[in-house]
Amino acid sequence: MKTIIEAAAKIHGHLGPFLVLGVKMGEAALKKLGGLQKGSLRVKLKVPLQTPYSCLIDGVQTATQCTVGNRKLELENSDENFIAGYFKNEDSDDVLVIRVKPHIIEALMTEMAPPNYPEEAMEALAWKTAEKTEEELFSFR
């Protein structure tokens, strides 16, 4: 997990907790859908299209290789308490919905609330988020 989070941070430009949520969401989808053929995954993300929430997008892109550019990733704006990914295996039509638990979003936003939140604190919060289990962070359907 550390390697892919570091790769996502390199692509994204910095390390933060919402980027980590995206990586963990993408990795969870790949694991739970299993046996995906190359190119068969499609993703729709419902996420507030503003920072820091939108940082999740780059994490999902890094983990799944579904991007806006290759047209395997679709984005839809949502309200601040709703972040979900809809992962579809086109070979089987299986769809997995992964939603970030609302209390996780609220907790991260509360911790990041002070103005000029320092980069070191952001990175520490990101690694703290990385240590949480899928079940702590997400609900699955």
N, C-alpha and C. Protein backbone atom coordinates (compact mmCIF):
# COMPACT_ATOMS: atom_id res chain seq x y z
N MET A 1 0.82 -1.20 0.00
CA MET A 1 0.00 0.00 0.00
C MET A 1 0.86 1.26 0.00
N LYS A 2 1.97 1.21 0.73
CA LYS A 2 2.86 2.38 0.82
C LYS A 2 3.35 2.80 -0.56
N THR A 3 3.73 1.83 -1.38
CA THR A 3 4.27 2.12 -2.71
C THR A 3 3.24 2.82 -3.58
N ILE A 4 2.01 2.33 -3.59
CA ILE A 4 0.99 2.93 -4.44
C ILE A 4 0.57 4.31 -3.92
N ILE A 5 0.56 4.48 -2.60
CA ILE A 5 0.25 5.81 -2.04
C ILE A 5 1.34 6.80 -2.43
N GLU A 6 2.58 6.39 -2.37
CA GLU A 6 3.68 7.27 -2.77
C GLU A 6 3.61 7.60 -4.26
N ALA A 7 3.23 6.62 -5.09
CA ALA A 7 3.06 6.87 -6.53
C ALA A 7 1.92 7.86 -6.76
N ALA A 8 0.83 7.71 -6.02
CA ALA A 8 -0.31 8.62 -6.16
C ALA A 8 0.10 10.04 -5.76
N ALA A 9 0.87 10.16 -4.68
CA ALA A 9 1.32 11.47 -4.22
C ALA A 9 2.22 12.14 -5.26
N LYS A 10 3.03 11.34 -5.92
CA LYS A 10 3.92 11.89 -6.96
C LYS A 10 3.09 12.44 -8.12
N ILE A 11 2.08 11.70 -8.54
CA ILE A 11 1.21 12.14 -9.63
C ILE A 11 0.40 13.36 -9.20
N HIS A 12 -0.12 13.32 -7.98
CA HIS A 12 -1.02 14.35 -7.48
C HIS A 12 -0.28 15.64 -7.09
N GLY A 13 0.94 15.50 -6.64
CA GLY A 13 1.72 16.67 -6.26
C GLY A 13 1.93 16.84 -4.77
N HIS A 14 1.16 16.13 -3.98
CA HIS A 14 1.34 16.14 -2.53
C HIS A 14 0.57 14.97 -1.93
N LEU A 15 0.82 14.71 -0.66
CA LEU A 15 0.16 13.61 0.04
C LEU A 15 -0.86 14.17 1.02
N GLY A 16 -2.09 13.69 0.91
CA GLY A 16 -3.14 14.11 1.82
C GLY A 16 -4.12 12.97 2.05
N PRO A 17 -4.99 13.12 3.05
CA PRO A 17 -5.89 12.04 3.42
C PRO A 17 -6.93 11.66 2.37
N PHE A 18 -7.40 12.63 1.60
CA PHE A 18 -8.40 12.28 0.58
C PHE A 18 -7.76 11.53 -0.59
N LEU A 19 -6.51 11.83 -0.88
CA LEU A 19 -5.78 11.05 -1.88
C LEU A 19 -5.67 9.60 -1.41
N VAL A 20 -5.34 9.41 -0.15
CA VAL A 20 -5.23 8.07 0.43
C VAL A 20 -6.59 7.36 0.38
N LEU A 21 -7.66 8.07 0.69
CA LEU A 21 -9.00 7.46 0.59
C LEU A 21 -9.25 6.93 -0.82
N GLY A 22 -8.84 7.70 -1.82
CA GLY A 22 -9.02 7.26 -3.20
C GLY A 22 -8.22 6.02 -3.54
N VAL A 23 -6.97 5.98 -3.10
CA VAL A 23 -6.14 4.79 -3.33
C VAL A 23 -6.78 3.57 -2.66
N LYS A 24 -7.18 3.73 -1.41
CA LYS A 24 -7.76 2.61 -0.67
C LYS A 24 -9.09 2.18 -1.28
N MET A 25 -9.88 3.14 -1.77
CA MET A 25 -11.14 2.80 -2.43
C MET A 25 -10.88 2.00 -3.71
N GLY A 26 -9.94 2.47 -4.52
CA GLY A 26 -9.62 1.77 -5.76
C GLY A 26 -9.08 0.38 -5.51
N GLU A 27 -8.18 0.26 -4.55
CA GLU A 27 -7.61 -1.05 -4.21
C GLU A 27 -8.70 -2.00 -3.69
N ALA A 28 -9.61 -1.49 -2.87
CA ALA A 28 -10.70 -2.32 -2.34
C ALA A 28 -11.59 -2.81 -3.48
N ALA A 29 -11.86 -1.96 -4.44
CA ALA A 29 -12.70 -2.36 -5.58
C ALA A 29 -12.03 -3.47 -6.39
N LEU A 30 -10.75 -3.30 -6.67
CA LEU A 30 -10.03 -4.32 -7.44
C LEU A 30 -10.03 -5.66 -6.70
N LYS A 31 -9.83 -5.61 -5.39
CA LYS A 31 -9.81 -6.84 -4.60
C LYS A 31 -11.19 -7.49 -4.56
N LYS A 32 -12.22 -6.71 -4.32
CA LYS A 32 -13.56 -7.27 -4.16
C LYS A 32 -14.17 -7.73 -5.48
N LEU A 33 -13.87 -7.05 -6.58
CA LEU A 33 -14.38 -7.49 -7.88
C LEU A 33 -13.57 -8.66 -8.41
N GLY A 34 -12.29 -8.71 -8.12
CA GLY A 34 -11.42 -9.83 -8.49
C GLY A 34 -11.50 -10.26 -9.94
N GLY A 35 -10.46 -10.84 -10.44
CA GLY A 35 -10.44 -11.44 -11.77
C GLY A 35 -10.77 -10.52 -12.92
N LEU A 36 -10.48 -9.24 -12.78
CA LEU A 36 -10.79 -8.30 -13.86
C LEU A 36 -9.82 -8.49 -15.03
N GLN A 37 -10.38 -8.49 -16.22
CA GLN A 37 -9.55 -8.49 -17.43
C GLN A 37 -9.10 -7.06 -17.69
N LYS A 38 -7.93 -6.89 -18.29
CA LYS A 38 -7.42 -5.56 -18.58
C LYS A 38 -8.45 -4.77 -19.39
N GLY A 39 -8.76 -3.60 -18.92
CA GLY A 39 -9.69 -2.72 -19.64
C GLY A 39 -11.16 -2.95 -19.34
N SER A 40 -11.49 -3.89 -18.47
CA SER A 40 -12.90 -4.19 -18.25
C SER A 40 -13.53 -3.40 -17.11
N LEU A 41 -12.74 -2.65 -16.36
CA LEU A 41 -13.29 -1.88 -15.24
C LEU A 41 -13.68 -0.48 -15.69
N ARG A 42 -14.85 -0.05 -15.26
CA ARG A 42 -15.32 1.31 -15.46
C ARG A 42 -15.70 1.86 -14.09
N VAL A 43 -15.44 3.15 -13.89
CA VAL A 43 -15.68 3.77 -12.58
C VAL A 43 -16.45 5.06 -12.76
N LYS A 44 -17.43 5.24 -11.88
CA LYS A 44 -18.12 6.53 -11.77
C LYS A 44 -17.92 6.99 -10.33
N LEU A 45 -17.36 8.19 -10.17
CA LEU A 45 -17.16 8.75 -8.84
C LEU A 45 -18.12 9.90 -8.63
N LYS A 46 -18.83 9.84 -7.51
CA LYS A 46 -19.65 10.97 -7.07
C LYS A 46 -18.89 11.58 -5.90
N VAL A 47 -18.39 12.79 -6.12
CA VAL A 47 -17.52 13.45 -5.15
C VAL A 47 -17.68 14.96 -5.31
N PRO A 48 -17.61 15.72 -4.24
CA PRO A 48 -17.60 17.17 -4.41
C PRO A 48 -16.41 17.57 -5.27
N LEU A 49 -16.65 18.30 -6.33
CA LEU A 49 -15.58 18.66 -7.25
C LEU A 49 -14.88 19.94 -6.79
N GLN A 50 -14.36 19.86 -5.56
CA GLN A 50 -13.57 20.93 -4.96
C GLN A 50 -12.60 20.29 -3.99
N THR A 51 -11.47 20.95 -3.80
CA THR A 51 -10.49 20.42 -2.86
C THR A 51 -10.98 20.62 -1.44
N PRO A 52 -10.63 19.74 -0.56
CA PRO A 52 -9.73 18.60 -0.69
C PRO A 52 -10.42 17.32 -1.16
N TYR A 53 -11.77 17.36 -1.26
CA TYR A 53 -12.51 16.14 -1.62
C TYR A 53 -12.05 15.55 -2.95
N SER A 54 -11.85 16.42 -3.94
CA SER A 54 -11.51 15.96 -5.29
C SER A 54 -10.14 15.29 -5.37
N CYS A 55 -9.32 15.42 -4.34
CA CYS A 55 -8.03 14.73 -4.32
C CYS A 55 -8.23 13.21 -4.39
N LEU A 56 -9.38 12.74 -3.91
CA LEU A 56 -9.71 11.32 -3.96
C LEU A 56 -9.65 10.79 -5.40
N ILE A 57 -10.00 11.62 -6.36
CA ILE A 57 -10.04 11.21 -7.77
C ILE A 57 -8.68 10.69 -8.22
N ASP A 58 -7.61 11.42 -7.90
CA ASP A 58 -6.27 10.99 -8.32
C ASP A 58 -5.86 9.68 -7.65
N GLY A 59 -6.32 9.46 -6.43
CA GLY A 59 -6.04 8.19 -5.77
C GLY A 59 -6.71 7.02 -6.47
N VAL A 60 -7.97 7.20 -6.84
CA VAL A 60 -8.69 6.13 -7.55
C VAL A 60 -8.04 5.89 -8.92
N GLN A 61 -7.68 6.96 -9.60
CA GLN A 61 -7.04 6.81 -10.91
C GLN A 61 -5.73 6.03 -10.80
N THR A 62 -4.94 6.34 -9.80
CA THR A 62 -3.67 5.66 -9.62
C THR A 62 -3.87 4.18 -9.33
N ALA A 63 -4.81 3.87 -8.46
CA ALA A 63 -5.03 2.47 -8.06
C ALA A 63 -5.65 1.63 -9.16
N THR A 64 -6.56 2.21 -9.95
CA THR A 64 -7.32 1.41 -10.91
C THR A 64 -6.87 1.56 -12.36
N GLN A 65 -6.12 2.60 -12.66
CA GLN A 65 -5.75 2.97 -14.02
C GLN A 65 -6.96 3.34 -14.87
N CYS A 66 -8.08 3.62 -14.21
CA CYS A 66 -9.24 4.19 -14.88
C CYS A 66 -9.10 5.70 -14.74
N THR A 67 -8.99 6.39 -15.88
CA THR A 67 -8.76 7.83 -15.85
C THR A 67 -9.80 8.54 -16.70
N VAL A 68 -9.87 9.84 -16.50
CA VAL A 68 -10.73 10.66 -17.34
C VAL A 68 -10.21 10.58 -18.78
N GLY A 69 -8.89 10.61 -18.93
CA GLY A 69 -8.28 10.58 -20.26
C GLY A 69 -8.56 9.33 -21.05
N ASN A 70 -8.57 8.16 -20.39
CA ASN A 70 -8.85 6.93 -21.15
C ASN A 70 -10.34 6.60 -21.16
N ARG A 71 -11.14 7.52 -20.62
CA ARG A 71 -12.60 7.46 -20.65
C ARG A 71 -13.18 6.28 -19.86
N LYS A 72 -12.41 5.78 -18.91
CA LYS A 72 -12.90 4.71 -18.04
C LYS A 72 -13.36 5.27 -16.70
N LEU A 73 -13.21 6.58 -16.52
CA LEU A 73 -13.62 7.23 -15.28
C LEU A 73 -14.55 8.38 -15.60
N GLU A 74 -15.71 8.35 -14.95
CA GLU A 74 -16.70 9.41 -15.08
C GLU A 74 -16.82 10.10 -13.71
N LEU A 75 -16.98 11.41 -13.73
CA LEU A 75 -17.09 12.18 -12.50
C LEU A 75 -18.45 12.85 -12.42
N GLU A 76 -18.99 12.89 -11.20
CA GLU A 76 -20.24 13.60 -10.95
C GLU A 76 -20.10 14.35 -9.64
N ASN A 77 -20.47 15.61 -9.65
CA ASN A 77 -20.40 16.44 -8.46
C ASN A 77 -21.43 15.97 -7.43
N SER A 78 -21.07 16.01 -6.16
CA SER A 78 -22.00 15.64 -5.09
C SER A 78 -21.86 16.65 -3.95
N ASP A 79 -22.70 16.48 -2.93
CA ASP A 79 -22.57 17.38 -1.79
C ASP A 79 -21.43 16.93 -0.89
N GLU A 80 -21.08 17.75 0.07
CA GLU A 80 -19.87 17.53 0.86
C GLU A 80 -19.90 16.31 1.77
N ASN A 81 -21.06 15.75 2.03
CA ASN A 81 -21.13 14.57 2.90
C ASN A 81 -21.33 13.28 2.12
N PHE A 82 -21.16 13.33 0.81
CA PHE A 82 -21.38 12.13 0.01
C PHE A 82 -20.24 11.93 -0.97
N ILE A 83 -19.51 10.85 -0.76
CA ILE A 83 -18.46 10.44 -1.68
C ILE A 83 -18.64 8.95 -1.92
N ALA A 84 -18.83 8.57 -3.19
CA ALA A 84 -19.04 7.16 -3.51
C ALA A 84 -18.42 6.84 -4.86
N GLY A 85 -17.97 5.60 -4.98
CA GLY A 85 -17.46 5.09 -6.24
C GLY A 85 -18.33 3.93 -6.70
N TYR A 86 -18.66 3.92 -7.97
CA TYR A 86 -19.44 2.85 -8.59
C TYR A 86 -18.50 2.15 -9.55
N PHE A 87 -18.11 0.94 -9.22
CA PHE A 87 -17.10 0.19 -9.96
C PHE A 87 -17.80 -0.92 -10.71
N LYS A 88 -17.69 -0.90 -12.04
CA LYS A 88 -18.39 -1.89 -12.85
C LYS A 88 -17.40 -2.75 -13.64
N ASN A 89 -17.56 -4.07 -13.49
CA ASN A 89 -16.82 -5.02 -14.30
C ASN A 89 -17.66 -5.24 -15.55
N GLU A 90 -17.22 -4.71 -16.67
CA GLU A 90 -18.01 -4.80 -17.90
C GLU A 90 -18.12 -6.22 -18.44
N ASP A 91 -17.21 -7.10 -18.05
CA ASP A 91 -17.29 -8.49 -18.51
C ASP A 91 -18.42 -9.25 -17.84
N SER A 92 -18.71 -8.92 -16.59
CA SER A 92 -19.74 -9.66 -15.85
C SER A 92 -20.94 -8.80 -15.49
N ASP A 93 -20.87 -7.50 -15.71
CA ASP A 93 -21.90 -6.54 -15.30
C ASP A 93 -22.03 -6.42 -13.79
N ASP A 94 -21.09 -6.98 -13.03
CA ASP A 94 -21.09 -6.80 -11.58
C ASP A 94 -20.77 -5.34 -11.27
N VAL A 95 -21.50 -4.77 -10.31
CA VAL A 95 -21.26 -3.40 -9.88
C VAL A 95 -21.05 -3.41 -8.37
N LEU A 96 -19.99 -2.77 -7.96
CA LEU A 96 -19.68 -2.62 -6.54
C LEU A 96 -19.75 -1.13 -6.22
N VAL A 97 -20.52 -0.81 -5.19
CA VAL A 97 -20.61 0.58 -4.73
C VAL A 97 -19.83 0.69 -3.43
N ILE A 98 -18.90 1.62 -3.40
CA ILE A 98 -18.10 1.87 -2.21
C ILE A 98 -18.34 3.32 -1.80
N ARG A 99 -18.84 3.49 -0.60
CA ARG A 99 -19.12 4.85 -0.10
C ARG A 99 -18.22 5.15 1.09
N VAL A 100 -17.63 6.34 1.08
CA VAL A 100 -16.86 6.79 2.24
C VAL A 100 -17.88 7.10 3.33
N LYS A 101 -17.65 6.54 4.50
CA LYS A 101 -18.58 6.77 5.61
C LYS A 101 -18.60 8.26 5.95
N PRO A 102 -19.80 8.83 6.09
CA PRO A 102 -19.90 10.27 6.34
C PRO A 102 -19.11 10.75 7.56
N HIS A 103 -19.04 9.95 8.61
CA HIS A 103 -18.28 10.41 9.79
C HIS A 103 -16.78 10.49 9.51
N ILE A 104 -16.29 9.72 8.55
CA ILE A 104 -14.87 9.80 8.16
C ILE A 104 -14.61 11.14 7.46
N ILE A 105 -15.51 11.50 6.54
CA ILE A 105 -15.38 12.79 5.85
C ILE A 105 -15.39 13.93 6.87
N GLU A 106 -16.37 13.89 7.77
CA GLU A 106 -16.50 14.94 8.78
C GLU A 106 -15.25 15.02 9.67
N ALA A 107 -14.75 13.87 10.09
CA ALA A 107 -13.57 13.85 10.96
C ALA A 107 -12.35 14.44 10.25
N LEU A 108 -12.15 14.08 8.99
CA LEU A 108 -11.01 14.61 8.24
C LEU A 108 -11.13 16.12 8.06
N MET A 109 -12.32 16.57 7.70
CA MET A 109 -12.51 18.01 7.49
C MET A 109 -12.34 18.79 8.79
N THR A 110 -12.77 18.22 9.89
CA THR A 110 -12.60 18.88 11.19
C THR A 110 -11.12 18.99 11.53
N GLU A 111 -10.38 17.91 11.31
CA GLU A 111 -8.95 17.93 11.64
C GLU A 111 -8.17 18.88 10.73
N MET A 112 -8.62 19.02 9.49
CA MET A 112 -7.92 19.88 8.54
C MET A 112 -8.40 21.33 8.60
N ALA A 113 -9.35 21.65 9.46
CA ALA A 113 -10.00 22.95 9.47
C ALA A 113 -9.12 24.16 9.76
N PRO A 114 -8.14 24.06 10.63
CA PRO A 114 -7.38 25.29 10.92
C PRO A 114 -6.80 25.91 9.65
N PRO A 115 -6.78 27.22 9.56
CA PRO A 115 -6.19 27.84 8.36
C PRO A 115 -4.71 27.48 8.25
N ASN A 116 -4.27 27.40 7.01
CA ASN A 116 -2.86 27.10 6.72
C ASN A 116 -2.39 25.81 7.39
N TYR A 117 -3.19 24.77 7.26
CA TYR A 117 -2.84 23.46 7.81
C TYR A 117 -1.49 23.04 7.24
N PRO A 118 -0.46 22.83 8.08
CA PRO A 118 0.89 22.57 7.57
C PRO A 118 1.00 21.23 6.82
N GLU A 119 1.88 21.22 5.84
CA GLU A 119 2.07 20.03 5.00
C GLU A 119 2.45 18.80 5.81
N GLU A 120 3.28 18.98 6.83
CA GLU A 120 3.68 17.83 7.65
C GLU A 120 2.48 17.22 8.37
N ALA A 121 1.58 18.06 8.84
CA ALA A 121 0.37 17.57 9.51
C ALA A 121 -0.54 16.86 8.52
N MET A 122 -0.61 17.38 7.30
CA MET A 122 -1.43 16.77 6.24
C MET A 122 -0.90 15.38 5.91
N GLU A 123 0.40 15.26 5.80
CA GLU A 123 1.01 13.96 5.51
C GLU A 123 0.80 12.98 6.66
N ALA A 124 0.93 13.46 7.88
CA ALA A 124 0.69 12.58 9.04
C ALA A 124 -0.74 12.09 9.07
N LEU A 125 -1.68 12.98 8.75
CA LEU A 125 -3.09 12.58 8.70
C LEU A 125 -3.33 11.59 7.57
N ALA A 126 -2.63 11.75 6.47
CA ALA A 126 -2.75 10.82 5.34
C ALA A 126 -2.30 9.42 5.76
N TRP A 127 -1.15 9.31 6.42
CA TRP A 127 -0.65 7.99 6.85
C TRP A 127 -1.54 7.39 7.93
N LYS A 128 -2.11 8.24 8.77
CA LYS A 128 -3.06 7.77 9.79
C LYS A 128 -4.30 7.18 9.10
N THR A 129 -4.75 7.83 8.03
CA THR A 129 -5.89 7.35 7.24
C THR A 129 -5.53 6.03 6.56
N ALA A 130 -4.31 5.91 6.09
CA ALA A 130 -3.86 4.68 5.41
C ALA A 130 -3.88 3.48 6.35
N GLU A 131 -3.71 3.71 7.64
CA GLU A 131 -3.69 2.62 8.61
C GLU A 131 -5.09 2.07 8.92
N LYS A 132 -6.11 2.80 8.57
CA LYS A 132 -7.48 2.36 8.85
C LYS A 132 -7.88 1.23 7.89
N THR A 133 -8.75 0.35 8.36
CA THR A 133 -9.20 -0.75 7.52
C THR A 133 -10.27 -0.27 6.55
N GLU A 134 -10.50 -1.06 5.52
CA GLU A 134 -11.56 -0.76 4.55
C GLU A 134 -12.90 -0.62 5.27
N GLU A 135 -13.15 -1.50 6.23
CA GLU A 135 -14.43 -1.50 6.94
C GLU A 135 -14.60 -0.24 7.79
N GLU A 136 -13.49 0.31 8.29
CA GLU A 136 -13.58 1.54 9.06
C GLU A 136 -13.90 2.73 8.17
N LEU A 137 -13.40 2.72 6.95
CA LEU A 137 -13.52 3.86 6.05
C LEU A 137 -14.75 3.84 5.15
N PHE A 138 -15.15 2.64 4.74
CA PHE A 138 -16.15 2.52 3.66
C PHE A 138 -17.34 1.63 4.04
N SER A 139 -18.43 1.87 3.33
CA SER A 139 -19.53 0.90 3.32
C SER A 139 -19.57 0.34 1.89
N PHE A 140 -19.98 -0.91 1.80
CA PHE A 140 -19.96 -1.63 0.51
C PHE A 140 -21.35 -2.13 0.17
N ARG A 141 -21.66 -2.06 -1.10
CA ARG A 141 -22.95 -2.60 -1.58
C ARG A 141 -22.73 -3.19 -2.95
